[in-house]
């Protein structure tokens, strides 16, 4: 029998709580059932499988993004950047948030709203030769990849494994290219600034001159 009060939203919340404590790799449907205090079979009344769970978890991450002040009637590049920054911030609020989003292809409301908002903004500010959907996909992929690297770095730093890794890279004789930032500089520097610089790099040359 399904535990009273159990719902897809509650299971997603429990799943995020479990990942917060144990990491995404530890999450299984059986462990989720144990955390929810139900039998594994009870989960399948609400979720088809772990992939379905991850899609719902991804949507719950994007549901934390506030888009109320995004004015689709007056699209600007700044609003595109704001959407990307808020996407990153949302993923960072959840342990392994980048990995949860990656490849989930969630078909749920919050994910679709964010994607639709970004495409609508881009359709207004991009040169006609650039596809808003493709550009939105590239921006989302960049934001997700940046967060995956960022959260991996934070985990290594927390475990005191980052500095030995950097020393090992230096000891390997790898050369640093003058005037460029490598991953060590990006992760240990102002990541907010570096993230936004990446967005501007993607958009460079694609924006209408009159925007």
N, C-alpha and C. Protein backbone atom coordinates (compact mmCIF):
# COMPACT_ATOMS: atom_id res chain seq x y z
N UNK A 1 0.85 -1.18 0.00
CA UNK A 1 0.00 0.00 0.00
C UNK A 1 0.89 1.24 0.00
N UNK A 2 0.51 2.26 -0.80
CA UNK A 2 1.29 3.48 -0.88
C UNK A 2 1.17 4.25 0.43
N UNK A 3 2.29 4.70 0.95
CA UNK A 3 2.29 5.44 2.19
C UNK A 3 1.45 6.70 2.04
N UNK A 4 0.66 6.98 3.04
CA UNK A 4 -0.23 8.13 2.99
C UNK A 4 0.58 9.43 2.80
N UNK A 5 0.10 10.25 1.87
CA UNK A 5 0.77 11.52 1.61
C UNK A 5 1.89 11.42 0.58
N UNK A 6 2.19 10.22 0.12
CA UNK A 6 3.24 10.04 -0.88
C UNK A 6 2.75 10.56 -2.23
N UNK A 7 3.60 11.29 -2.92
CA UNK A 7 3.26 11.84 -4.22
C UNK A 7 4.55 11.97 -5.02
N UNK A 8 4.44 12.18 -6.35
CA UNK A 8 5.66 12.39 -7.13
C UNK A 8 6.52 13.53 -6.59
N UNK A 9 5.88 14.65 -6.24
CA UNK A 9 6.64 15.79 -5.71
C UNK A 9 7.35 15.43 -4.42
N UNK A 10 6.69 14.70 -3.55
CA UNK A 10 7.30 14.31 -2.27
C UNK A 10 8.47 13.36 -2.52
N UNK A 11 8.30 12.44 -3.46
CA UNK A 11 9.39 11.50 -3.77
C UNK A 11 10.60 12.24 -4.35
N UNK A 12 10.34 13.23 -5.17
CA UNK A 12 11.44 14.02 -5.74
C UNK A 12 12.16 14.78 -4.62
N UNK A 13 11.42 15.34 -3.69
CA UNK A 13 12.03 16.05 -2.57
C UNK A 13 12.88 15.09 -1.74
N UNK A 14 12.37 13.89 -1.49
CA UNK A 14 13.13 12.88 -0.73
C UNK A 14 14.39 12.49 -1.50
N UNK A 15 14.26 12.36 -2.82
CA UNK A 15 15.41 12.00 -3.64
C UNK A 15 16.50 13.07 -3.56
N UNK A 16 16.11 14.33 -3.63
CA UNK A 16 17.09 15.40 -3.51
C UNK A 16 17.73 15.41 -2.11
N UNK A 17 16.94 15.13 -1.10
CA UNK A 17 17.49 15.05 0.26
C UNK A 17 18.51 13.91 0.35
N UNK A 18 18.19 12.79 -0.29
CA UNK A 18 19.11 11.64 -0.26
C UNK A 18 20.40 11.99 -1.00
N UNK A 19 20.28 12.62 -2.17
CA UNK A 19 21.47 13.00 -2.94
C UNK A 19 22.30 14.02 -2.17
N UNK A 20 21.64 14.95 -1.49
CA UNK A 20 22.36 15.94 -0.69
C UNK A 20 23.25 15.28 0.35
N UNK A 21 22.76 14.18 0.91
CA UNK A 21 23.52 13.48 1.96
C UNK A 21 24.51 12.47 1.41
N UNK A 22 24.20 11.86 0.26
CA UNK A 22 24.96 10.71 -0.20
C UNK A 22 25.54 10.83 -1.60
N UNK A 23 25.10 11.79 -2.38
CA UNK A 23 25.57 11.93 -3.75
C UNK A 23 24.68 11.18 -4.74
N UNK A 24 24.70 11.65 -5.99
CA UNK A 24 23.83 11.08 -7.01
C UNK A 24 24.15 9.62 -7.30
N UNK A 25 25.42 9.26 -7.28
CA UNK A 25 25.80 7.88 -7.62
C UNK A 25 25.20 6.87 -6.65
N UNK A 26 24.90 7.30 -5.43
CA UNK A 26 24.35 6.36 -4.43
C UNK A 26 22.85 6.17 -4.58
N UNK A 27 22.20 7.03 -5.36
CA UNK A 27 20.74 6.97 -5.44
C UNK A 27 20.27 5.83 -6.33
N UNK A 28 19.42 4.97 -5.77
CA UNK A 28 18.74 3.92 -6.52
C UNK A 28 17.26 3.96 -6.14
N UNK A 29 16.44 3.31 -6.93
CA UNK A 29 15.02 3.27 -6.61
C UNK A 29 14.80 2.54 -5.28
N UNK A 30 15.57 1.51 -5.03
CA UNK A 30 15.44 0.77 -3.78
C UNK A 30 15.81 1.63 -2.58
N UNK A 31 16.88 2.41 -2.71
CA UNK A 31 17.29 3.28 -1.61
C UNK A 31 16.30 4.44 -1.43
N UNK A 32 15.74 4.92 -2.54
CA UNK A 32 14.71 5.95 -2.43
C UNK A 32 13.50 5.41 -1.69
N UNK A 33 13.11 4.18 -1.99
CA UNK A 33 11.98 3.57 -1.30
C UNK A 33 12.24 3.47 0.20
N UNK A 34 13.47 3.07 0.55
CA UNK A 34 13.82 2.97 1.96
C UNK A 34 13.76 4.34 2.63
N UNK A 35 14.26 5.35 1.95
CA UNK A 35 14.23 6.71 2.51
C UNK A 35 12.80 7.22 2.66
N UNK A 36 11.91 6.78 1.76
CA UNK A 36 10.52 7.21 1.81
C UNK A 36 9.68 6.36 2.76
N UNK A 37 10.27 5.24 3.24
CA UNK A 37 9.55 4.36 4.16
C UNK A 37 8.48 3.54 3.48
N UNK A 38 8.73 3.15 2.21
CA UNK A 38 7.76 2.35 1.47
C UNK A 38 8.49 1.18 0.81
N UNK A 39 7.74 0.27 0.25
CA UNK A 39 8.33 -0.82 -0.52
C UNK A 39 8.72 -0.29 -1.89
N UNK A 40 9.72 -0.88 -2.55
CA UNK A 40 10.10 -0.41 -3.89
C UNK A 40 8.93 -0.39 -4.86
N UNK A 41 8.05 -1.35 -4.74
CA UNK A 41 6.91 -1.41 -5.65
C UNK A 41 6.01 -0.20 -5.56
N UNK A 42 5.95 0.41 -4.39
CA UNK A 42 5.09 1.58 -4.21
C UNK A 42 5.56 2.77 -5.03
N UNK A 43 6.86 2.84 -5.32
CA UNK A 43 7.38 3.96 -6.10
C UNK A 43 6.81 3.98 -7.51
N UNK A 44 6.58 2.79 -8.06
CA UNK A 44 6.20 2.70 -9.46
C UNK A 44 4.75 3.11 -9.72
N UNK A 45 4.05 3.43 -8.67
CA UNK A 45 2.73 4.04 -8.83
C UNK A 45 2.87 5.52 -9.20
N UNK A 46 4.07 6.06 -8.97
CA UNK A 46 4.31 7.48 -9.21
C UNK A 46 5.39 7.75 -10.24
N UNK A 47 6.39 6.87 -10.33
CA UNK A 47 7.53 7.06 -11.22
C UNK A 47 7.80 5.77 -11.97
N UNK A 48 8.05 5.87 -13.27
CA UNK A 48 8.23 4.67 -14.08
C UNK A 48 9.54 3.95 -13.77
N UNK A 49 10.62 4.75 -13.60
CA UNK A 49 11.95 4.18 -13.37
C UNK A 49 12.88 5.30 -12.91
N UNK A 50 14.17 4.98 -12.79
CA UNK A 50 15.12 5.99 -12.30
C UNK A 50 15.27 7.14 -13.30
N UNK A 51 15.18 6.86 -14.58
CA UNK A 51 15.26 7.94 -15.57
C UNK A 51 14.10 8.92 -15.40
N UNK A 52 12.92 8.38 -15.15
CA UNK A 52 11.76 9.23 -14.91
C UNK A 52 11.96 10.05 -13.64
N UNK A 53 12.54 9.44 -12.63
CA UNK A 53 12.87 10.15 -11.39
C UNK A 53 13.84 11.29 -11.66
N UNK A 54 14.88 11.03 -12.43
CA UNK A 54 15.88 12.07 -12.70
C UNK A 54 15.26 13.22 -13.48
N UNK A 55 14.37 12.93 -14.41
CA UNK A 55 13.70 14.00 -15.14
C UNK A 55 12.89 14.88 -14.19
N UNK A 56 12.20 14.23 -13.26
CA UNK A 56 11.40 14.99 -12.28
C UNK A 56 12.31 15.79 -11.34
N UNK A 57 13.46 15.22 -10.98
CA UNK A 57 14.41 15.93 -10.14
C UNK A 57 14.97 17.14 -10.88
N UNK A 58 15.25 16.98 -12.18
CA UNK A 58 15.74 18.09 -12.98
C UNK A 58 14.70 19.21 -13.04
N UNK A 59 13.45 18.83 -13.23
CA UNK A 59 12.40 19.85 -13.31
C UNK A 59 12.25 20.58 -11.98
N UNK A 60 12.43 19.85 -10.89
CA UNK A 60 12.34 20.49 -9.56
C UNK A 60 13.45 21.51 -9.37
N UNK A 61 14.62 21.25 -9.96
CA UNK A 61 15.71 22.23 -9.90
C UNK A 61 15.32 23.49 -10.67
N UNK A 62 14.84 23.31 -11.89
CA UNK A 62 14.46 24.46 -12.70
C UNK A 62 13.24 25.19 -12.16
N UNK A 63 12.42 24.49 -11.37
CA UNK A 63 11.25 25.13 -10.78
C UNK A 63 11.63 26.19 -9.75
N UNK A 64 12.88 26.17 -9.29
CA UNK A 64 13.33 27.18 -8.32
C UNK A 64 13.75 28.48 -9.00
N UNK A 65 13.76 28.51 -10.33
CA UNK A 65 14.18 29.71 -11.06
C UNK A 65 13.01 30.68 -11.17
N UNK A 66 13.23 31.91 -10.76
CA UNK A 66 12.21 32.96 -10.85
C UNK A 66 12.38 33.69 -12.19
N UNK A 67 11.36 33.57 -13.03
CA UNK A 67 11.39 34.24 -14.34
C UNK A 67 10.38 35.38 -14.40
N UNK A 68 9.82 35.75 -13.24
CA UNK A 68 8.73 36.73 -13.21
C UNK A 68 9.14 38.08 -13.78
N UNK A 69 10.41 38.45 -13.63
CA UNK A 69 10.84 39.77 -14.09
C UNK A 69 11.41 39.76 -15.50
N UNK A 70 11.38 38.61 -16.16
CA UNK A 70 11.83 38.52 -17.55
C UNK A 70 10.71 39.03 -18.45
N UNK A 71 10.99 40.11 -19.17
CA UNK A 71 9.97 40.75 -20.00
C UNK A 71 10.11 40.28 -21.44
N UNK A 72 9.25 39.33 -21.82
CA UNK A 72 9.33 38.79 -23.17
C UNK A 72 8.85 39.79 -24.23
N UNK A 73 8.16 40.84 -23.77
CA UNK A 73 7.72 41.87 -24.71
C UNK A 73 8.85 42.85 -25.05
N UNK A 74 9.92 42.81 -24.30
CA UNK A 74 11.06 43.71 -24.53
C UNK A 74 12.35 42.92 -24.33
N UNK A 75 12.64 41.97 -25.21
CA UNK A 75 13.79 41.07 -25.04
C UNK A 75 15.11 41.81 -25.19
N UNK A 76 16.08 41.43 -24.37
CA UNK A 76 17.42 42.01 -24.45
C UNK A 76 18.46 40.92 -24.23
N UNK A 77 19.68 41.22 -24.62
CA UNK A 77 20.78 40.29 -24.37
C UNK A 77 20.99 40.11 -22.87
N UNK A 78 20.83 41.20 -22.13
CA UNK A 78 20.99 41.11 -20.67
C UNK A 78 20.03 40.08 -20.06
N UNK A 79 18.82 40.00 -20.60
CA UNK A 79 17.87 39.03 -20.08
C UNK A 79 18.27 37.60 -20.44
N UNK A 80 18.88 37.43 -21.60
CA UNK A 80 19.43 36.11 -21.96
C UNK A 80 20.49 35.70 -20.95
N UNK A 81 21.39 36.62 -20.65
CA UNK A 81 22.46 36.35 -19.68
C UNK A 81 21.87 36.05 -18.31
N UNK A 82 20.86 36.82 -17.91
CA UNK A 82 20.20 36.59 -16.62
C UNK A 82 19.60 35.19 -16.54
N UNK A 83 18.95 34.77 -17.61
CA UNK A 83 18.37 33.41 -17.62
C UNK A 83 19.46 32.35 -17.41
N UNK A 84 20.59 32.53 -18.10
CA UNK A 84 21.69 31.56 -17.97
C UNK A 84 22.29 31.59 -16.57
N UNK A 85 22.45 32.77 -16.01
CA UNK A 85 22.99 32.89 -14.65
C UNK A 85 22.05 32.22 -13.64
N UNK A 86 20.75 32.42 -13.81
CA UNK A 86 19.80 31.81 -12.88
C UNK A 86 19.73 30.30 -13.06
N UNK A 87 19.95 29.83 -14.29
CA UNK A 87 20.02 28.40 -14.53
C UNK A 87 21.18 27.79 -13.75
N UNK A 88 22.34 28.45 -13.85
CA UNK A 88 23.51 27.98 -13.10
C UNK A 88 23.26 28.04 -11.60
N UNK A 89 22.72 29.15 -11.11
CA UNK A 89 22.46 29.29 -9.68
C UNK A 89 21.53 28.19 -9.17
N UNK A 90 20.52 27.85 -9.96
CA UNK A 90 19.57 26.80 -9.56
C UNK A 90 20.28 25.46 -9.43
N UNK A 91 21.12 25.12 -10.39
CA UNK A 91 21.85 23.85 -10.34
C UNK A 91 22.79 23.80 -9.15
N UNK A 92 23.42 24.94 -8.84
CA UNK A 92 24.36 24.98 -7.72
C UNK A 92 23.68 24.81 -6.37
N UNK A 93 22.39 25.09 -6.31
CA UNK A 93 21.68 24.94 -5.03
C UNK A 93 21.47 23.48 -4.65
N UNK A 94 21.68 22.57 -5.59
CA UNK A 94 21.45 21.15 -5.36
C UNK A 94 22.75 20.38 -5.56
N UNK A 95 23.04 19.48 -4.63
CA UNK A 95 24.24 18.65 -4.81
C UNK A 95 24.10 17.85 -6.10
N UNK A 96 25.16 17.83 -6.89
CA UNK A 96 25.18 17.15 -8.20
C UNK A 96 24.11 17.69 -9.13
N UNK A 97 23.74 18.96 -8.93
CA UNK A 97 22.69 19.55 -9.75
C UNK A 97 23.00 19.52 -11.24
N UNK A 98 24.26 19.79 -11.60
CA UNK A 98 24.64 19.76 -13.01
C UNK A 98 24.48 18.37 -13.60
N UNK A 99 24.88 17.37 -12.87
CA UNK A 99 24.78 16.00 -13.36
C UNK A 99 23.33 15.55 -13.43
N UNK A 100 22.49 16.01 -12.53
CA UNK A 100 21.07 15.67 -12.58
C UNK A 100 20.44 16.24 -13.84
N UNK A 101 20.79 17.48 -14.18
CA UNK A 101 20.23 18.11 -15.37
C UNK A 101 20.74 17.47 -16.65
N UNK A 102 22.03 17.13 -16.68
CA UNK A 102 22.67 16.64 -17.91
C UNK A 102 21.97 15.39 -18.44
N UNK A 103 21.51 15.47 -19.66
CA UNK A 103 20.93 14.30 -20.30
C UNK A 103 19.57 13.88 -19.78
N UNK A 104 18.95 14.70 -18.91
CA UNK A 104 17.65 14.31 -18.38
C UNK A 104 16.54 14.53 -19.40
N UNK A 105 16.69 15.57 -20.23
CA UNK A 105 15.68 15.90 -21.24
C UNK A 105 14.28 15.88 -20.64
N UNK A 106 14.13 16.60 -19.55
CA UNK A 106 12.87 16.60 -18.82
C UNK A 106 11.75 17.23 -19.65
N UNK A 107 10.59 16.56 -19.72
CA UNK A 107 9.46 17.10 -20.48
C UNK A 107 8.47 17.85 -19.60
N UNK A 108 8.90 18.22 -18.39
CA UNK A 108 7.96 18.78 -17.42
C UNK A 108 7.92 20.31 -17.48
N UNK A 109 6.98 20.89 -16.73
CA UNK A 109 6.58 22.29 -16.90
C UNK A 109 7.71 23.30 -16.70
N UNK A 110 8.46 23.20 -15.61
CA UNK A 110 9.47 24.21 -15.33
C UNK A 110 10.59 24.19 -16.36
N UNK A 111 10.98 23.00 -16.78
CA UNK A 111 12.03 22.87 -17.80
C UNK A 111 11.57 23.47 -19.12
N UNK A 112 10.34 23.16 -19.50
CA UNK A 112 9.80 23.67 -20.76
C UNK A 112 9.63 25.19 -20.71
N UNK A 113 9.25 25.71 -19.55
CA UNK A 113 9.09 27.16 -19.41
C UNK A 113 10.43 27.87 -19.57
N UNK A 114 11.46 27.34 -18.93
CA UNK A 114 12.79 27.95 -19.05
C UNK A 114 13.27 27.90 -20.49
N UNK A 115 13.13 26.74 -21.13
CA UNK A 115 13.59 26.59 -22.51
C UNK A 115 12.83 27.53 -23.43
N UNK A 116 11.51 27.61 -23.24
CA UNK A 116 10.70 28.48 -24.07
C UNK A 116 11.05 29.95 -23.87
N UNK A 117 11.30 30.34 -22.64
CA UNK A 117 11.68 31.72 -22.35
C UNK A 117 13.00 32.07 -23.04
N UNK A 118 13.98 31.18 -22.92
CA UNK A 118 15.29 31.44 -23.52
C UNK A 118 15.19 31.51 -25.05
N UNK A 119 14.43 30.61 -25.66
CA UNK A 119 14.28 30.64 -27.12
C UNK A 119 13.57 31.91 -27.58
N UNK A 120 12.56 32.34 -26.83
CA UNK A 120 11.83 33.55 -27.19
C UNK A 120 12.74 34.78 -27.13
N UNK A 121 13.55 34.87 -26.09
CA UNK A 121 14.49 35.98 -25.98
C UNK A 121 15.49 35.96 -27.12
N UNK A 122 16.02 34.79 -27.40
CA UNK A 122 17.05 34.67 -28.44
C UNK A 122 16.48 34.96 -29.82
N UNK A 123 15.26 34.58 -30.06
CA UNK A 123 14.64 34.84 -31.37
C UNK A 123 14.63 36.33 -31.68
N UNK A 124 14.51 37.15 -30.64
CA UNK A 124 14.44 38.60 -30.83
C UNK A 124 15.81 39.26 -30.95
N UNK A 125 16.84 38.67 -30.35
CA UNK A 125 18.14 39.36 -30.29
C UNK A 125 19.19 38.79 -31.23
N UNK A 126 18.97 37.59 -31.77
CA UNK A 126 19.96 36.97 -32.64
C UNK A 126 19.85 37.46 -34.07
N UNK A 127 20.96 37.44 -34.77
CA UNK A 127 20.94 37.66 -36.21
C UNK A 127 20.14 36.54 -36.87
N UNK A 128 19.49 36.82 -38.00
CA UNK A 128 18.63 35.82 -38.64
C UNK A 128 19.35 34.53 -39.01
N UNK A 129 20.65 34.59 -39.20
CA UNK A 129 21.40 33.40 -39.60
C UNK A 129 21.63 32.41 -38.47
N UNK A 130 21.27 32.79 -37.25
CA UNK A 130 21.47 31.91 -36.10
C UNK A 130 20.12 31.40 -35.59
N UNK A 131 20.04 30.11 -35.36
CA UNK A 131 18.81 29.47 -34.90
C UNK A 131 18.67 29.64 -33.39
N UNK A 132 17.57 30.24 -32.91
CA UNK A 132 17.38 30.44 -31.47
C UNK A 132 17.37 29.13 -30.69
N UNK A 133 16.79 28.08 -31.28
CA UNK A 133 16.74 26.80 -30.59
C UNK A 133 18.11 26.18 -30.42
N UNK A 134 18.92 26.24 -31.46
CA UNK A 134 20.29 25.71 -31.39
C UNK A 134 21.09 26.51 -30.37
N UNK A 135 20.96 27.82 -30.43
CA UNK A 135 21.72 28.68 -29.50
C UNK A 135 21.28 28.44 -28.06
N UNK A 136 19.98 28.27 -27.84
CA UNK A 136 19.49 27.97 -26.49
C UNK A 136 20.06 26.65 -26.00
N UNK A 137 20.14 25.66 -26.89
CA UNK A 137 20.70 24.36 -26.52
C UNK A 137 22.18 24.49 -26.16
N UNK A 138 22.92 25.27 -26.94
CA UNK A 138 24.35 25.48 -26.66
C UNK A 138 24.53 26.17 -25.30
N UNK A 139 23.71 27.18 -25.03
CA UNK A 139 23.82 27.91 -23.76
C UNK A 139 23.48 27.00 -22.58
N UNK A 140 22.45 26.19 -22.72
CA UNK A 140 22.09 25.27 -21.63
C UNK A 140 23.20 24.24 -21.44
N UNK A 141 23.75 23.72 -22.53
CA UNK A 141 24.83 22.74 -22.42
C UNK A 141 26.05 23.35 -21.75
N UNK A 142 26.37 24.59 -22.11
CA UNK A 142 27.50 25.28 -21.48
C UNK A 142 27.25 25.46 -19.99
N UNK A 143 26.06 25.95 -19.63
CA UNK A 143 25.76 26.17 -18.21
C UNK A 143 25.84 24.87 -17.43
N UNK A 144 25.29 23.81 -18.00
CA UNK A 144 25.31 22.51 -17.32
C UNK A 144 26.73 21.99 -17.17
N UNK A 145 27.50 22.07 -18.23
CA UNK A 145 28.89 21.60 -18.17
C UNK A 145 29.72 22.40 -17.20
N UNK A 146 29.52 23.72 -17.18
CA UNK A 146 30.26 24.57 -16.25
C UNK A 146 29.95 24.16 -14.82
N UNK A 147 28.67 23.92 -14.52
CA UNK A 147 28.29 23.54 -13.15
C UNK A 147 28.84 22.16 -12.79
N UNK A 148 28.82 21.23 -13.73
CA UNK A 148 29.39 19.91 -13.44
C UNK A 148 30.86 20.04 -13.05
N UNK A 149 31.62 20.82 -13.82
CA UNK A 149 33.03 21.05 -13.48
C UNK A 149 33.16 21.79 -12.15
N UNK A 150 32.30 22.79 -11.96
CA UNK A 150 32.34 23.60 -10.75
C UNK A 150 32.05 22.76 -9.51
N UNK A 151 31.04 21.93 -9.58
CA UNK A 151 30.69 21.10 -8.41
C UNK A 151 31.73 20.01 -8.18
N UNK A 152 32.35 19.53 -9.25
CA UNK A 152 33.45 18.57 -9.09
C UNK A 152 34.63 19.23 -8.39
N UNK A 153 34.93 20.46 -8.80
CA UNK A 153 36.02 21.22 -8.15
C UNK A 153 35.71 21.44 -6.67
N UNK A 154 34.49 21.86 -6.36
CA UNK A 154 34.12 22.12 -4.97
C UNK A 154 34.22 20.85 -4.12
N UNK A 155 33.86 19.71 -4.71
CA UNK A 155 33.96 18.44 -3.99
C UNK A 155 35.43 18.08 -3.73
N UNK A 156 36.28 18.29 -4.73
CA UNK A 156 37.71 18.01 -4.56
C UNK A 156 38.33 18.94 -3.52
N UNK A 157 37.94 20.20 -3.57
CA UNK A 157 38.47 21.16 -2.60
C UNK A 157 38.03 20.79 -1.19
N UNK A 158 36.77 20.40 -1.05
CA UNK A 158 36.24 20.03 0.26
C UNK A 158 36.96 18.81 0.83
N UNK A 159 37.38 17.91 -0.06
CA UNK A 159 38.07 16.69 0.36
C UNK A 159 39.59 16.88 0.42
N UNK A 160 40.06 18.13 0.29
CA UNK A 160 41.50 18.45 0.29
C UNK A 160 42.26 17.69 -0.80
N UNK A 161 41.59 17.47 -1.93
CA UNK A 161 42.22 16.77 -3.04
C UNK A 161 42.59 17.70 -4.20
N UNK A 162 42.13 18.96 -4.13
CA UNK A 162 42.36 19.86 -5.26
C UNK A 162 43.81 20.28 -5.37
N UNK A 163 44.41 20.77 -4.29
CA UNK A 163 45.79 21.26 -4.35
C UNK A 163 46.78 20.17 -4.77
N UNK A 164 46.68 18.94 -4.22
CA UNK A 164 47.59 17.89 -4.71
C UNK A 164 47.43 17.63 -6.20
N UNK A 165 46.18 17.73 -6.70
CA UNK A 165 45.94 17.52 -8.12
C UNK A 165 46.60 18.62 -8.96
N UNK A 166 46.49 19.86 -8.51
CA UNK A 166 47.11 20.97 -9.22
C UNK A 166 48.63 20.83 -9.20
N UNK A 167 49.18 20.42 -8.05
CA UNK A 167 50.63 20.22 -7.97
C UNK A 167 51.07 19.10 -8.91
N UNK A 168 50.28 18.06 -9.02
CA UNK A 168 50.63 16.95 -9.91
C UNK A 168 50.62 17.39 -11.37
N UNK A 169 49.67 18.26 -11.71
CA UNK A 169 49.62 18.79 -13.08
C UNK A 169 50.87 19.62 -13.36
N UNK A 170 51.25 20.46 -12.40
CA UNK A 170 52.44 21.29 -12.56
C UNK A 170 53.69 20.43 -12.67
N UNK A 171 53.75 19.38 -11.85
CA UNK A 171 54.93 18.51 -11.85
C UNK A 171 55.04 17.70 -13.14
N UNK A 172 53.93 17.57 -13.87
CA UNK A 172 53.95 16.78 -15.10
C UNK A 172 54.68 17.50 -16.23
N UNK A 173 54.98 18.79 -16.01
CA UNK A 173 55.68 19.55 -17.04
C UNK A 173 54.75 20.20 -18.04
N UNK A 174 53.45 20.15 -17.77
CA UNK A 174 52.49 20.77 -18.68
C UNK A 174 52.75 22.27 -18.75
N UNK A 175 52.76 22.80 -19.95
CA UNK A 175 53.04 24.22 -20.13
C UNK A 175 51.75 25.03 -20.08
N UNK A 176 51.85 26.22 -19.50
CA UNK A 176 50.71 27.13 -19.46
C UNK A 176 50.87 28.14 -20.59
N UNK A 177 49.80 28.37 -21.32
CA UNK A 177 49.85 29.29 -22.46
C UNK A 177 49.64 30.70 -21.94
N UNK A 178 50.58 31.57 -22.20
CA UNK A 178 50.52 32.94 -21.70
C UNK A 178 49.26 33.65 -22.20
N UNK A 179 48.65 34.41 -21.29
CA UNK A 179 47.48 35.20 -21.66
C UNK A 179 46.20 34.41 -21.74
N UNK A 180 46.20 33.17 -21.28
CA UNK A 180 44.98 32.36 -21.28
C UNK A 180 44.73 31.79 -19.89
N UNK A 181 43.47 31.51 -19.60
CA UNK A 181 43.11 30.92 -18.31
C UNK A 181 42.89 29.43 -18.49
N UNK A 182 43.51 28.62 -17.62
CA UNK A 182 43.24 27.19 -17.65
C UNK A 182 42.16 26.87 -16.61
N UNK A 183 41.80 25.61 -16.51
CA UNK A 183 40.70 25.24 -15.62
C UNK A 183 41.00 25.58 -14.17
N UNK A 184 42.26 25.48 -13.77
CA UNK A 184 42.62 25.81 -12.39
C UNK A 184 42.36 27.28 -12.10
N UNK A 185 42.73 28.13 -13.04
CA UNK A 185 42.51 29.57 -12.86
C UNK A 185 41.03 29.91 -12.88
N UNK A 186 40.28 29.23 -13.74
CA UNK A 186 38.84 29.51 -13.85
C UNK A 186 38.10 29.08 -12.59
N UNK A 187 38.42 27.89 -12.09
CA UNK A 187 37.70 27.37 -10.93
C UNK A 187 38.07 28.09 -9.64
N UNK A 188 39.32 28.55 -9.52
CA UNK A 188 39.75 29.19 -8.27
C UNK A 188 39.60 30.70 -8.32
N UNK A 189 39.25 31.23 -9.48
CA UNK A 189 39.07 32.66 -9.60
C UNK A 189 37.62 33.06 -9.34
N UNK A 190 37.20 34.17 -9.94
CA UNK A 190 35.82 34.65 -9.80
C UNK A 190 34.96 33.85 -10.78
N UNK A 191 34.34 32.78 -10.28
CA UNK A 191 33.59 31.89 -11.17
C UNK A 191 32.35 32.56 -11.75
N UNK A 192 31.74 33.46 -11.00
CA UNK A 192 30.60 34.21 -11.54
C UNK A 192 31.02 34.97 -12.79
N UNK A 193 32.14 35.66 -12.67
CA UNK A 193 32.66 36.45 -13.80
C UNK A 193 33.06 35.55 -14.96
N UNK A 194 33.71 34.45 -14.64
CA UNK A 194 34.16 33.54 -15.69
C UNK A 194 32.98 32.89 -16.41
N UNK A 195 31.93 32.57 -15.66
CA UNK A 195 30.74 31.98 -16.27
C UNK A 195 30.11 32.96 -17.26
N UNK A 196 29.94 34.20 -16.83
CA UNK A 196 29.34 35.21 -17.69
C UNK A 196 30.21 35.48 -18.92
N UNK A 197 31.52 35.46 -18.73
CA UNK A 197 32.44 35.64 -19.87
C UNK A 197 32.24 34.53 -20.90
N UNK A 198 31.97 33.34 -20.42
CA UNK A 198 31.71 32.22 -21.33
C UNK A 198 30.43 32.42 -22.13
N UNK A 199 29.40 32.93 -21.47
CA UNK A 199 28.14 33.24 -22.16
C UNK A 199 28.39 34.27 -23.26
N UNK A 200 29.15 35.32 -22.93
CA UNK A 200 29.44 36.36 -23.91
C UNK A 200 30.28 35.81 -25.07
N UNK A 201 31.15 34.87 -24.78
CA UNK A 201 31.94 34.24 -25.84
C UNK A 201 31.04 33.49 -26.82
N UNK A 202 30.06 32.77 -26.27
CA UNK A 202 29.12 32.02 -27.12
C UNK A 202 28.30 32.98 -27.99
N UNK A 203 27.87 34.09 -27.39
CA UNK A 203 26.98 35.02 -28.10
C UNK A 203 27.72 35.99 -29.03
N UNK A 204 29.03 36.08 -28.86
CA UNK A 204 29.81 37.05 -29.66
C UNK A 204 29.57 36.83 -31.16
N UNK A 205 29.22 37.90 -31.85
CA UNK A 205 29.03 37.84 -33.29
C UNK A 205 27.67 37.32 -33.73
N UNK A 206 26.80 36.98 -32.75
CA UNK A 206 25.49 36.44 -33.11
C UNK A 206 24.36 37.45 -32.87
N UNK A 207 24.66 38.57 -32.21
CA UNK A 207 23.62 39.50 -31.76
C UNK A 207 23.39 40.60 -32.80
N UNK A 208 22.13 40.97 -32.93
CA UNK A 208 21.79 42.10 -33.80
C UNK A 208 22.54 43.35 -33.37
N UNK A 209 23.04 44.10 -34.32
CA UNK A 209 23.84 45.28 -34.01
C UNK A 209 23.01 46.33 -33.27
N UNK A 210 21.71 46.41 -33.57
CA UNK A 210 20.88 47.45 -32.96
C UNK A 210 20.37 47.08 -31.60
N UNK A 211 20.78 45.86 -31.05
CA UNK A 211 20.28 45.46 -29.73
C UNK A 211 21.05 46.17 -28.63
